[in-house]
């Protein structure tokens, strides 16, 4: 039989192993009483929340809880008193600096040798990056839905134009196929495949405009006047998104939906600024109720270019002026 001394030694070794695991964990591990007073605080907790163990131990757990989450902590303590464990609970906690941190919590009751619940053990993990990736994925999905809707609307417009201009089924099919291929090339410019270089497809502002508007050239009502401004690849994507959105709107609601409509684009360099004037003639007046994700995308693209956008409707013309620093387009 093992002696009491041996049992104490084994318990001591187990405690030492457990302390080492807690100390070296990448996750913040802390414990607290059922009154919410911190009783232990590992190095990962110091890194995550900014308080040293000396500063944290003995303080109320609310030092890391935002005021609007106090009731949440009260509920957690109430559940712990009933013996409940809390698994993978996503919430927000506060760094010493006041910065808010997205975290995932797991909280378990701690019992003494009699089985009575005397406190709680908490494991906290920073999920800021995970949430950022999740939000990015949600944005991509929304953008995909938005772009698919736009694409279908433009394809329908192309079909309508092709049908009116084709005398035979063969001509219609050939014409339609060519225009959809051109539309696909424009979308490839806006959203290139991973590993592709946008600069390999287009190098100047005028070429970018021509590539994006190519699906609409068959109408014969588009004029582009632009100096040979080379576009840096870092500016190409937001610029392409911006121009593509304007072109889509013109094809869905504006000048490219009517027989007498016309689109004139003029680019000028004025000192250290580049000014693009997009003028649609013959379309319908803009409808503010249509503003949605596309409008948000326009604003985001403009922000990326440090650009300002002004719209003016003077029947029968819609003028959109885009003003941005020349250096945002220059090759670096």
C-alpha atoms as a PDB file:
ATOM      1  CA  UNK A   1       0.000   0.000   0.000  1.00  0.00           C
ATOM      2  CA  UNK A   2       1.079   3.530  -0.702  1.00  0.00           C
ATOM      3  CA  UNK A   3       1.995   5.648   2.260  1.00  0.00           C
ATOM      4  CA  UNK A   4       0.375   8.969   3.059  1.00  0.00           C
ATOM      5  CA  UNK A   5       3.710  10.596   2.278  1.00  0.00           C
ATOM      6  CA  UNK A   6       3.700   9.023  -1.200  1.00  0.00           C
ATOM      7  CA  UNK A   7       0.149  10.239  -1.812  1.00  0.00           C
ATOM      8  CA  UNK A   8       1.100  13.754  -0.776  1.00  0.00           C
ATOM      9  CA  UNK A   9       4.128  13.640  -3.043  1.00  0.00           C
ATOM     10  CA  UNK A  10       2.044  12.478  -6.015  1.00  0.00           C
ATOM     11  CA  UNK A  11      -0.551  15.161  -5.342  1.00  0.00           C
ATOM     12  CA  UNK A  12       2.208  17.731  -5.158  1.00  0.00           C
ATOM     13  CA  UNK A  13       3.646  16.595  -8.487  1.00  0.00           C
ATOM     14  CA  UNK A  14       0.189  16.653 -10.108  1.00  0.00           C
ATOM     15  CA  UNK A  15      -0.373  20.165  -8.788  1.00  0.00           C
ATOM     16  CA  UNK A  16       3.017  21.236 -10.135  1.00  0.00           C
ATOM     17  CA  UNK A  17       2.183  19.804 -13.581  1.00  0.00           C
ATOM     18  CA  UNK A  18      -1.201  21.533 -13.564  1.00  0.00           C
ATOM     19  CA  UNK A  19       0.377  24.843 -12.531  1.00  0.00           C
ATOM     20  CA  UNK A  20       2.925  24.527 -15.346  1.00  0.00           C
ATOM     21  CA  UNK A  21       0.170  23.844 -17.905  1.00  0.00           C
ATOM     22  CA  UNK A  22      -1.818  26.870 -16.738  1.00  0.00           C
ATOM     23  CA  UNK A  23       1.265  29.090 -16.608  1.00  0.00           C
ATOM     24  CA  UNK A  24       2.411  28.208 -20.161  1.00  0.00           C
ATOM     25  CA  UNK A  25      -1.012  28.095 -21.818  1.00  0.00           C
ATOM     26  CA  UNK A  26      -1.577  30.301 -24.866  1.00  0.00           C
ATOM     27  CA  UNK A  27      -5.134  30.864 -23.615  1.00  0.00           C
ATOM     28  CA  UNK A  28      -5.906  33.253 -20.790  1.00  0.00           C
ATOM     29  CA  UNK A  29      -6.764  31.189 -17.699  1.00  0.00           C
ATOM     30  CA  UNK A  30      -8.075  32.812 -14.553  1.00  0.00           C
ATOM     31  CA  UNK A  31     -10.152  31.884 -11.543  1.00  0.00           C
ATOM     32  CA  UNK A  32     -12.558  33.840  -9.389  1.00  0.00           C
ATOM     33  CA  UNK A  33     -14.746  33.421  -6.329  1.00  0.00           C
ATOM     34  CA  UNK A  34     -18.531  33.213  -6.546  1.00  0.00           C
ATOM     35  CA  UNK A  35     -18.520  36.906  -5.604  1.00  0.00           C
ATOM     36  CA  UNK A  36     -16.518  37.665  -8.744  1.00  0.00           C
ATOM     37  CA  UNK A  37     -13.136  38.321  -7.075  1.00  0.00           C
ATOM     38  CA  UNK A  38     -10.119  37.239  -9.137  1.00  0.00           C
ATOM     39  CA  UNK A  39      -7.971  34.608  -7.400  1.00  0.00           C
ATOM     40  CA  UNK A  40      -5.546  33.546 -10.158  1.00  0.00           C
ATOM     41  CA  UNK A  41      -4.306  35.057 -13.432  1.00  0.00           C
ATOM     42  CA  UNK A  42      -1.823  33.445 -15.846  1.00  0.00           C
ATOM     43  CA  UNK A  43       0.657  35.115 -18.228  1.00  0.00           C
ATOM     44  CA  UNK A  44      -1.693  34.764 -21.211  1.00  0.00           C
ATOM     45  CA  UNK A  45      -4.317  36.704 -19.231  1.00  0.00           C
ATOM     46  CA  UNK A  46      -1.722  39.418 -18.662  1.00  0.00           C
ATOM     47  CA  UNK A  47      -1.078  39.605 -22.415  1.00  0.00           C
ATOM     48  CA  UNK A  48      -4.751  39.524 -23.372  1.00  0.00           C
ATOM     49  CA  UNK A  49      -6.130  42.029 -20.871  1.00  0.00           C
ATOM     50  CA  UNK A  50      -3.084  44.176 -20.053  1.00  0.00           C
ATOM     51  CA  UNK A  51      -3.241  43.756 -16.259  1.00  0.00           C
ATOM     52  CA  UNK A  52      -0.395  42.005 -14.435  1.00  0.00           C
ATOM     53  CA  UNK A  53      -1.259  39.177 -12.043  1.00  0.00           C
ATOM     54  CA  UNK A  54      -0.359  41.442  -9.121  1.00  0.00           C
ATOM     55  CA  UNK A  55      -2.776  44.098 -10.350  1.00  0.00           C
ATOM     56  CA  UNK A  56      -5.607  41.692 -11.178  1.00  0.00           C
ATOM     57  CA  UNK A  57      -5.663  39.239  -8.264  1.00  0.00           C
ATOM     58  CA  UNK A  58      -7.936  40.495  -5.514  1.00  0.00           C
ATOM     59  CA  UNK A  59      -9.836  42.799  -7.876  1.00  0.00           C
ATOM     60  CA  UNK A  60     -13.425  42.311  -9.073  1.00  0.00           C
ATOM     61  CA  UNK A  61     -13.741  40.544 -12.430  1.00  0.00           C
ATOM     62  CA  UNK A  62     -15.572  43.661 -13.656  1.00  0.00           C
ATOM     63  CA  UNK A  63     -12.184  45.316 -14.285  1.00  0.00           C
ATOM     64  CA  UNK A  64     -12.280  43.493 -17.646  1.00  0.00           C
ATOM     65  CA  UNK A  65     -16.057  43.644 -18.209  1.00  0.00           C
ATOM     66  CA  UNK A  66     -17.528  46.580 -20.165  1.00  0.00           C
ATOM     67  CA  UNK A  67     -20.268  48.349 -18.146  1.00  0.00           C
ATOM     68  CA  UNK A  68     -22.954  47.325 -20.639  1.00  0.00           C
ATOM     69  CA  UNK A  69     -22.004  43.650 -19.990  1.00  0.00           C
ATOM     70  CA  UNK A  70     -22.232  43.669 -16.184  1.00  0.00           C
ATOM     71  CA  UNK A  71     -25.579  41.831 -16.257  1.00  0.00           C
ATOM     72  CA  UNK A  72     -23.937  39.152 -18.388  1.00  0.00           C
ATOM     73  CA  UNK A  73     -21.350  38.503 -15.651  1.00  0.00           C
ATOM     74  CA  UNK A  74     -24.112  38.398 -13.023  1.00  0.00           C
ATOM     75  CA  UNK A  75     -25.913  35.714 -15.050  1.00  0.00           C
ATOM     76  CA  UNK A  76     -22.686  33.705 -15.420  1.00  0.00           C
ATOM     77  CA  UNK A  77     -22.078  33.712 -11.649  1.00  0.00           C
ATOM     78  CA  UNK A  78     -25.699  32.685 -11.010  1.00  0.00           C
ATOM     79  CA  UNK A  79     -25.356  29.725 -13.356  1.00  0.00           C
ATOM     80  CA  UNK A  80     -22.068  28.701 -11.749  1.00  0.00           C
ATOM     81  CA  UNK A  81     -23.700  28.607  -8.296  1.00  0.00           C
ATOM     82  CA  UNK A  82     -26.147  26.079  -9.757  1.00  0.00           C
ATOM     83  CA  UNK A  83     -23.256  23.940 -10.990  1.00  0.00           C
ATOM     84  CA  UNK A  84     -23.620  24.803 -14.698  1.00  0.00           C
ATOM     85  CA  UNK A  85     -20.658  25.045 -17.052  1.00  0.00           C
ATOM     86  CA  UNK A  86     -20.552  27.573 -19.895  1.00  0.00           C
ATOM     87  CA  UNK A  87     -18.937  26.389 -23.128  1.00  0.00           C
ATOM     88  CA  UNK A  88     -17.645  28.488 -26.035  1.00  0.00           C
ATOM     89  CA  UNK A  89     -19.522  31.657 -25.162  1.00  0.00           C
ATOM     90  CA  UNK A  90     -18.654  34.576 -27.478  1.00  0.00           C
ATOM     91  CA  UNK A  91     -18.662  37.983 -25.853  1.00  0.00           C
ATOM     92  CA  UNK A  92     -16.676  41.210 -25.446  1.00  0.00           C
ATOM     93  CA  UNK A  93     -14.229  42.111 -22.690  1.00  0.00           C
ATOM     94  CA  UNK A  94     -12.150  45.218 -21.996  1.00  0.00           C
ATOM     95  CA  UNK A  95      -8.381  45.664 -22.124  1.00  0.00           C
ATOM     96  CA  UNK A  96      -6.672  47.803 -19.507  1.00  0.00           C
ATOM     97  CA  UNK A  97      -6.372  50.559 -22.130  1.00  0.00           C
ATOM     98  CA  UNK A  98     -10.143  50.583 -22.619  1.00  0.00           C
ATOM     99  CA  UNK A  99      -9.944  48.781 -25.953  1.00  0.00           C
ATOM    100  CA  UNK A 100     -12.679  46.178 -26.454  1.00  0.00           C
ATOM    101  CA  UNK A 101     -11.675  42.602 -27.296  1.00  0.00           C
ATOM    102  CA  UNK A 102     -13.819  39.929 -28.931  1.00  0.00           C
ATOM    103  CA  UNK A 103     -13.296  36.745 -26.929  1.00  0.00           C
ATOM    104  CA  UNK A 104     -14.610  33.227 -26.491  1.00  0.00           C
ATOM    105  CA  UNK A 105     -15.148  32.070 -22.907  1.00  0.00           C
ATOM    106  CA  UNK A 106     -15.430  28.689 -21.273  1.00  0.00           C
ATOM    107  CA  UNK A 107     -16.360  28.853 -17.577  1.00  0.00           C
ATOM    108  CA  UNK A 108     -16.526  25.901 -15.173  1.00  0.00           C
ATOM    109  CA  UNK A 109     -17.393  25.699 -11.474  1.00  0.00           C
ATOM    110  CA  UNK A 110     -14.582  24.874  -9.021  1.00  0.00           C
ATOM    111  CA  UNK A 111     -15.424  22.583  -6.081  1.00  0.00           C
ATOM    112  CA  UNK A 112     -13.633  22.042  -2.784  1.00  0.00           C
ATOM    113  CA  UNK A 113     -12.859  18.636  -1.220  1.00  0.00           C
ATOM    114  CA  UNK A 114     -16.448  18.362   0.020  1.00  0.00           C
ATOM    115  CA  UNK A 115     -17.921  18.960  -3.443  1.00  0.00           C
ATOM    116  CA  UNK A 116     -19.194  22.439  -2.635  1.00  0.00           C
ATOM    117  CA  UNK A 117     -18.857  25.046  -5.385  1.00  0.00           C
ATOM    118  CA  UNK A 118     -16.417  27.705  -4.206  1.00  0.00           C
ATOM    119  CA  UNK A 119     -15.500  29.539  -7.393  1.00  0.00           C
ATOM    120  CA  UNK A 120     -15.039  29.347 -11.126  1.00  0.00           C
ATOM    121  CA  UNK A 121     -12.283  28.693 -13.634  1.00  0.00           C
ATOM    122  CA  UNK A 122     -12.363  30.685 -16.857  1.00  0.00           C
ATOM    123  CA  UNK A 123     -10.535  30.108 -20.135  1.00  0.00           C
ATOM    124  CA  UNK A 124     -10.593  33.105 -22.498  1.00  0.00           C
ATOM    125  CA  UNK A 125      -9.427  33.166 -26.097  1.00  0.00           C
ATOM    126  CA  UNK A 126      -9.039  36.196 -28.361  1.00  0.00           C
ATOM    127  CA  UNK A 127     -11.269  35.683 -31.436  1.00  0.00           C
ATOM    128  CA  UNK A 128     -10.829  39.135 -32.973  1.00  0.00           C
ATOM    129  CA  UNK A 129      -9.106  37.713 -36.049  1.00  0.00           C
ATOM    130  CA  UNK A 130     -11.662  34.920 -36.386  1.00  0.00           C
ATOM    131  CA  UNK A 131     -14.523  37.443 -36.281  1.00  0.00           C
ATOM    132  CA  UNK A 132     -12.759  39.656 -38.814  1.00  0.00           C
ATOM    133  CA  UNK A 133     -12.411  36.713 -41.220  1.00  0.00           C
ATOM    134  CA  UNK A 134     -16.047  35.766 -40.657  1.00  0.00           C
ATOM    135  CA  UNK A 135     -17.173  39.315 -41.431  1.00  0.00           C
ATOM    136  CA  UNK A 136     -14.984  39.391 -44.547  1.00  0.00           C
ATOM    137  CA  UNK A 137     -16.534  36.121 -45.720  1.00  0.00           C
ATOM    138  CA  UNK A 138     -20.024  37.528 -45.118  1.00  0.00           C
ATOM    139  CA  UNK A 139     -19.104  40.638 -47.141  1.00  0.00           C
ATOM    140  CA  UNK A 140     -17.780  38.469 -49.980  1.00  0.00           C
ATOM    141  CA  UNK A 141     -20.998  36.431 -50.026  1.00  0.00           C
ATOM    142  CA  UNK A 142     -23.075  39.627 -50.086  1.00  0.00           C
ATOM    143  CA  UNK A 143     -20.925  41.009 -52.878  1.00  0.00           C
ATOM    144  CA  UNK A 144     -21.307  37.766 -54.839  1.00  0.00           C
ATOM    145  CA  UNK A 145     -25.103  37.951 -54.515  1.00  0.00           C
ATOM    146  CA  UNK A 146     -25.036  41.587 -55.534  1.00  0.00           C
ATOM    147  CA  UNK A 147     -22.759  40.985 -58.528  1.00  0.00           C
ATOM    148  CA  UNK A 148     -24.699  37.950 -59.710  1.00  0.00           C
ATOM    149  CA  UNK A 149     -27.868  40.047 -59.660  1.00  0.00           C
ATOM    150  CA  UNK A 150     -26.132  42.808 -61.598  1.00  0.00           C
ATOM    151  CA  UNK A 151     -24.669  40.317 -64.047  1.00  0.00           C
ATOM    152  CA  UNK A 152     -28.074  38.783 -64.777  1.00  0.00           C
ATOM    153  CA  UNK A 153     -29.584  42.238 -65.282  1.00  0.00           C
ATOM    154  CA  UNK A 154     -26.822  43.209 -67.712  1.00  0.00           C
ATOM    155  CA  UNK A 155     -27.091  39.885 -69.590  1.00  0.00           C
ATOM    156  CA  UNK A 156     -30.826  40.488 -69.953  1.00  0.00           C
ATOM    157  CA  UNK A 157     -30.098  43.961 -71.321  1.00  0.00           C
ATOM    158  CA  UNK A 158     -27.587  42.531 -73.790  1.00  0.00           C
ATOM    159  CA  UNK A 159     -30.105  39.903 -74.918  1.00  0.00           C
ATOM    160  CA  UNK A 160     -32.680  42.621 -75.488  1.00  0.00           C
ATOM    161  CA  UNK A 161     -30.276  44.723 -77.582  1.00  0.00           C
ATOM    162  CA  UNK A 162     -29.089  41.690 -79.549  1.00  0.00           C
ATOM    163  CA  UNK A 163     -32.643  40.579 -80.260  1.00  0.00           C
ATOM    164  CA  UNK A 164     -33.580  43.989 -81.665  1.00  0.00           C
ATOM    165  CA  UNK A 165     -30.486  44.196 -83.891  1.00  0.00           C
ATOM    166  CA  UNK A 166     -30.320  40.605 -85.215  1.00  0.00           C
ATOM    167  CA  UNK A 167     -32.274  39.456 -88.272  1.00  0.00           C
ATOM    168  CA  UNK A 168     -31.586  35.709 -87.887  1.00  0.00           C
ATOM    169  CA  UNK A 169     -31.273  33.258 -85.012  1.00  0.00           C
ATOM    170  CA  UNK A 170     -27.644  32.498 -85.986  1.00  0.00           C
ATOM    171  CA  UNK A 171     -26.743  36.178 -85.939  1.00  0.00           C
ATOM    172  CA  UNK A 172     -28.479  36.593 -82.594  1.00  0.00           C
ATOM    173  CA  UNK A 173     -26.605  33.637 -81.065  1.00  0.00           C
ATOM    174  CA  UNK A 174     -23.209  34.811 -82.377  1.00  0.00           C
ATOM    175  CA  UNK A 175     -23.836  38.394 -81.336  1.00  0.00           C
ATOM    176  CA  UNK A 176     -25.004  37.361 -77.866  1.00  0.00           C
ATOM    177  CA  UNK A 177     -22.070  34.991 -77.368  1.00  0.00           C
ATOM    178  CA  UNK A 178     -19.559  37.700 -78.268  1.00  0.00           C
ATOM    179  CA  UNK A 179     -21.111  40.205 -75.881  1.00  0.00           C
ATOM    180  CA  UNK A 180     -21.312  37.793 -72.968  1.00  0.00           C
ATOM    181  CA  UNK A 181     -17.641  36.886 -73.552  1.00  0.00           C
ATOM    182  CA  UNK A 182     -16.798  40.595 -73.424  1.00  0.00           C
ATOM    183  CA  UNK A 183     -18.811  40.931 -70.220  1.00  0.00           C
ATOM    184  CA  UNK A 184     -16.900  37.999 -68.702  1.00  0.00           C
ATOM    185  CA  UNK A 185     -13.607  39.701 -69.574  1.00  0.00           C
ATOM    186  CA  UNK A 186     -14.766  42.842 -67.787  1.00  0.00           C
ATOM    187  CA  UNK A 187     -15.670  40.843 -64.671  1.00  0.00           C
ATOM    188  CA  UNK A 188     -12.278  39.188 -64.782  1.00  0.00           C
ATOM    189  CA  UNK A 189     -10.756  42.654 -64.560  1.00  0.00           C
ATOM    190  CA  UNK A 190     -12.919  43.587 -61.584  1.00  0.00           C
ATOM    191  CA  UNK A 191     -12.427  40.319 -59.685  1.00  0.00           C
ATOM    192  CA  UNK A 192      -9.311  38.570 -61.036  1.00  0.00           C
ATOM    193  CA  UNK A 193      -8.550  34.967 -60.182  1.00  0.00           C
ATOM    194  CA  UNK A 194      -6.085  34.364 -57.323  1.00  0.00           C
ATOM    195  CA  UNK A 195      -2.565  34.718 -58.658  1.00  0.00           C
ATOM    196  CA  UNK A 196      -3.593  36.760 -61.702  1.00  0.00           C
ATOM    197  CA  UNK A 197      -2.061  40.186 -62.175  1.00  0.00           C
ATOM    198  CA  UNK A 198      -4.583  42.888 -63.118  1.00  0.00           C
ATOM    199  CA  UNK A 199      -1.716  44.876 -64.615  1.00  0.00           C
ATOM    200  CA  UNK A 200      -1.230  42.076 -67.148  1.00  0.00           C
ATOM    201  CA  UNK A 201      -4.677  42.897 -68.573  1.00  0.00           C
ATOM    202  CA  UNK A 202      -4.775  46.664 -68.357  1.00  0.00           C
ATOM    203  CA  UNK A 203      -2.178  49.349 -67.747  1.00  0.00           C
ATOM    204  CA  UNK A 204      -3.799  52.724 -68.332  1.00  0.00           C
ATOM    205  CA  UNK A 205      -6.932  54.425 -67.102  1.00  0.00           C
ATOM    206  CA  UNK A 206      -8.325  54.619 -70.636  1.00  0.00           C
ATOM    207  CA  UNK A 207      -7.731  50.888 -71.196  1.00  0.00           C
ATOM    208  CA  UNK A 208      -9.429  50.084 -67.898  1.00  0.00           C
ATOM    209  CA  UNK A 209     -12.487  52.053 -68.963  1.00  0.00           C
ATOM    210  CA  UNK A 210     -12.576  50.409 -72.366  1.00  0.00           C
ATOM    211  CA  UNK A 211     -12.321  46.913 -70.854  1.00  0.00           C
ATOM    212  CA  UNK A 212     -15.104  47.602 -68.374  1.00  0.00           C
ATOM    213  CA  UNK A 213     -17.420  49.222 -70.914  1.00  0.00           C
ATOM    214  CA  UNK A 214     -16.699  46.842 -73.792  1.00  0.00           C
ATOM    215  CA  UNK A 215     -19.946  44.875 -73.277  1.00  0.00           C
ATOM    216  CA  UNK A 216     -21.880  48.078 -74.042  1.00  0.00           C
ATOM    217  CA  UNK A 217     -19.911  49.302 -77.057  1.00  0.00           C
ATOM    218  CA  UNK A 218     -22.298  47.638 -79.510  1.00  0.00           C
ATOM    219  CA  UNK A 219     -24.815  50.372 -78.769  1.00  0.00           C
ATOM    220  CA  UNK A 220     -22.419  52.928 -80.270  1.00  0.00           C
ATOM    221  CA  UNK A 221     -23.255  55.669 -77.747  1.00  0.00           C
ATOM    222  CA  UNK A 222     -20.141  55.648 -75.576  1.00  0.00           C
ATOM    223  CA  UNK A 223     -17.269  58.134 -75.827  1.00  0.00           C
ATOM    224  CA  UNK A 224     -14.086  57.919 -73.720  1.00  0.00           C
ATOM    225  CA  UNK A 225     -11.456  60.654 -73.719  1.00  0.00           C
ATOM    226  CA  UNK A 226      -8.538  59.999 -71.372  1.00  0.00           C
ATOM    227  CA  UNK A 227      -4.815  60.828 -71.344  1.00  0.00           C
ATOM    228  CA  UNK A 228      -2.335  57.949 -71.030  1.00  0.00           C
ATOM    229  CA  UNK A 229      -2.424  57.659 -67.236  1.00  0.00           C
ATOM    230  CA  UNK A 230      -0.747  54.478 -66.017  1.00  0.00           C
ATOM    231  CA  UNK A 231      -2.651  52.887 -63.144  1.00  0.00           C
ATOM    232  CA  UNK A 232      -0.863  51.191 -60.252  1.00  0.00           C
ATOM    233  CA  UNK A 233      -2.224  47.724 -59.492  1.00  0.00           C
ATOM    234  CA  UNK A 234      -3.069  48.746 -55.917  1.00  0.00           C
ATOM    235  CA  UNK A 235      -5.471  51.375 -57.325  1.00  0.00           C
ATOM    236  CA  UNK A 236      -6.807  49.258 -60.180  1.00  0.00           C
ATOM    237  CA  UNK A 237      -9.198  47.077 -58.179  1.00  0.00           C
ATOM    238  CA  UNK A 238     -11.099  49.872 -56.372  1.00  0.00           C
ATOM    239  CA  UNK A 239     -11.099  51.928 -59.585  1.00  0.00           C
ATOM    240  CA  UNK A 240     -12.466  48.981 -61.557  1.00  0.00           C
ATOM    241  CA  UNK A 241     -15.142  48.339 -58.929  1.00  0.00           C
ATOM    242  CA  UNK A 242     -16.178  51.984 -59.015  1.00  0.00           C
ATOM    243  CA  UNK A 243     -16.378  52.204 -62.825  1.00  0.00           C
ATOM    244  CA  UNK A 244     -18.044  48.819 -63.101  1.00  0.00           C
ATOM    245  CA  UNK A 245     -20.756  49.873 -60.652  1.00  0.00           C
ATOM    246  CA  UNK A 246     -21.422  53.087 -62.582  1.00  0.00           C
ATOM    247  CA  UNK A 247     -21.590  51.151 -65.870  1.00  0.00           C
ATOM    248  CA  UNK A 248     -23.976  48.590 -64.389  1.00  0.00           C
ATOM    249  CA  UNK A 249     -26.255  51.329 -63.087  1.00  0.00           C
ATOM    250  CA  UNK A 250     -26.212  53.006 -66.497  1.00  0.00           C
ATOM    251  CA  UNK A 251     -27.222  49.711 -68.138  1.00  0.00           C
ATOM    252  CA  UNK A 252     -29.923  48.952 -65.575  1.00  0.00           C
ATOM    253  CA  UNK A 253     -31.471  52.398 -65.050  1.00  0.00           C
ATOM    254  CA  UNK A 254     -29.587  55.082 -66.953  1.00  0.00           C
ATOM    255  CA  UNK A 255     -28.571  56.238 -70.406  1.00  0.00           C
ATOM    256  CA  UNK A 256     -27.690  52.762 -71.711  1.00  0.00           C
ATOM    257  CA  UNK A 257     -31.298  51.575 -71.344  1.00  0.00           C
ATOM    258  CA  UNK A 258     -32.841  53.894 -73.948  1.00  0.00           C
ATOM    259  CA  UNK A 259     -32.397  54.187 -77.715  1.00  0.00           C
ATOM    260  CA  UNK A 260     -31.374  57.843 -77.614  1.00  0.00           C
ATOM    261  CA  UNK A 261     -29.130  57.647 -74.576  1.00  0.00           C
ATOM    262  CA  UNK A 262     -25.415  58.424 -74.606  1.00  0.00           C
ATOM    263  CA  UNK A 263     -22.468  58.122 -72.229  1.00  0.00           C
ATOM    264  CA  UNK A 264     -19.496  60.496 -72.419  1.00  0.00           C
ATOM    265  CA  UNK A 265     -16.468  60.050 -70.146  1.00  0.00           C
ATOM    266  CA  UNK A 266     -13.733  62.661 -69.955  1.00  0.00           C
ATOM    267  CA  UNK A 267     -10.569  62.427 -67.846  1.00  0.00           C
ATOM    268  CA  UNK A 268      -8.401  65.429 -67.045  1.00  0.00           C
ATOM    269  CA  UNK A 269      -5.310  65.970 -64.903  1.00  0.00           C
ATOM    270  CA  UNK A 270      -5.646  69.215 -62.967  1.00  0.00           C
ATOM    271  CA  UNK A 271      -2.448  69.872 -61.024  1.00  0.00           C
ATOM    272  CA  UNK A 272      -2.087  67.072 -58.510  1.00  0.00           C
ATOM    273  CA  UNK A 273      -5.661  65.863 -59.006  1.00  0.00           C
ATOM    274  CA  UNK A 274      -7.312  63.581 -61.544  1.00  0.00           C
ATOM    275  CA  UNK A 275     -10.904  64.367 -62.456  1.00  0.00           C
ATOM    276  CA  UNK A 276     -13.202  61.913 -64.204  1.00  0.00           C
ATOM    277  CA  UNK A 277     -16.474  63.338 -65.522  1.00  0.00           C
ATOM    278  CA  UNK A 278     -19.070  60.670 -66.296  1.00  0.00           C
ATOM    279  CA  UNK A 279     -22.010  62.177 -68.192  1.00  0.00           C
ATOM    280  CA  UNK A 280     -25.133  60.218 -69.126  1.00  0.00           C
ATOM    281  CA  UNK A 281     -27.659  61.826 -71.451  1.00  0.00           C
ATOM    282  CA  UNK A 282     -31.179  60.606 -72.112  1.00  0.00           C
ATOM    283  CA  UNK A 283     -31.603  58.311 -69.117  1.00  0.00           C
ATOM    284  CA  UNK A 284     -34.082  58.565 -66.278  1.00  0.00           C
ATOM    285  CA  UNK A 285     -33.585  60.606 -63.136  1.00  0.00           C
ATOM    286  CA  UNK A 286     -31.737  58.771 -60.309  1.00  0.00           C
ATOM    287  CA  UNK A 287     -33.965  57.212 -57.679  1.00  0.00           C
ATOM    288  CA  UNK A 288     -32.632  57.560 -54.117  1.00  0.00           C
ATOM    289  CA  UNK A 289     -34.703  54.511 -53.090  1.00  0.00           C
ATOM    290  CA  UNK A 290     -32.437  52.292 -55.174  1.00  0.00           C
ATOM    291  CA  UNK A 291     -29.472  52.955 -52.913  1.00  0.00           C
ATOM    292  CA  UNK A 292     -28.304  49.720 -51.331  1.00  0.00           C
ATOM    293  CA  UNK A 293     -25.235  47.529 -51.284  1.00  0.00           C
ATOM    294  CA  UNK A 294     -24.104  48.964 -54.658  1.00  0.00           C
ATOM    295  CA  UNK A 295     -24.039  52.460 -53.193  1.00  0.00           C
ATOM    296  CA  UNK A 296     -22.023  51.172 -50.249  1.00  0.00           C
ATOM    297  CA  UNK A 297     -19.603  49.520 -52.644  1.00  0.00           C
ATOM    298  CA  UNK A 298     -19.194  52.817 -54.535  1.00  0.00           C
ATOM    299  CA  UNK A 299     -18.394  54.644 -51.301  1.00  0.00           C
ATOM    300  CA  UNK A 300     -15.915  51.962 -50.196  1.00  0.00           C
ATOM    301  CA  UNK A 301     -14.136  52.038 -53.580  1.00  0.00           C
ATOM    302  CA  UNK A 302     -14.009  55.838 -53.512  1.00  0.00           C
ATOM    303  CA  UNK A 303     -12.581  55.763 -49.980  1.00  0.00           C
ATOM    304  CA  UNK A 304      -9.809  53.414 -51.121  1.00  0.00           C
ATOM    305  CA  UNK A 305      -8.840  55.958 -53.773  1.00  0.00           C
ATOM    306  CA  UNK A 306      -9.219  59.010 -51.478  1.00  0.00           C
ATOM    307  CA  UNK A 307     -11.774  60.083 -54.078  1.00  0.00           C
ATOM    308  CA  UNK A 308     -14.721  62.428 -53.815  1.00  0.00           C
ATOM    309  CA  UNK A 309     -17.865  61.772 -55.855  1.00  0.00           C
ATOM    310  CA  UNK A 310     -20.405  64.434 -56.799  1.00  0.00           C
ATOM    311  CA  UNK A 311     -23.683  63.735 -58.614  1.00  0.00           C
ATOM    312  CA  UNK A 312     -25.806  66.274 -60.432  1.00  0.00           C
ATOM    313  CA  UNK A 313     -29.054  65.664 -62.330  1.00  0.00           C
ATOM    314  CA  UNK A 314     -30.112  68.323 -64.845  1.00  0.00           C
ATOM    315  CA  UNK A 315     -32.655  66.723 -67.162  1.00  0.00           C
ATOM    316  CA  UNK A 316     -31.925  65.027 -69.443  1.00  0.00           C
ATOM    317  CA  UNK A 317     -28.341  64.548 -68.141  1.00  0.00           C
ATOM    318  CA  UNK A 318     -26.771  62.880 -65.130  1.00  0.00           C
ATOM    319  CA  UNK A 319     -23.237  64.094 -64.376  1.00  0.00           C
ATOM    320  CA  UNK A 320     -20.995  62.236 -61.949  1.00  0.00           C
ATOM    321  CA  UNK A 321     -17.658  63.871 -61.130  1.00  0.00           C
ATOM    322  CA  UNK A 322     -14.943  61.770 -59.499  1.00  0.00           C
ATOM    323  CA  UNK A 323     -11.989  63.693 -58.092  1.00  0.00           C
ATOM    324  CA  UNK A 324      -8.913  61.932 -56.646  1.00  0.00           C
ATOM    325  CA  UNK A 325      -5.199  62.559 -55.973  1.00  0.00           C
ATOM    326  CA  UNK A 326      -3.020  61.793 -58.989  1.00  0.00           C
ATOM    327  CA  UNK A 327      -0.532  59.984 -56.736  1.00  0.00           C
ATOM    328  CA  UNK A 328      -3.195  57.339 -55.913  1.00  0.00           C
ATOM    329  CA  UNK A 329      -3.042  56.146 -59.531  1.00  0.00           C
ATOM    330  CA  UNK A 330       0.712  56.419 -60.089  1.00  0.00           C
ATOM    331  CA  UNK A 331       2.828  53.281 -60.369  1.00  0.00           C
ATOM    332  CA  UNK A 332       4.976  52.796 -57.283  1.00  0.00           C
END
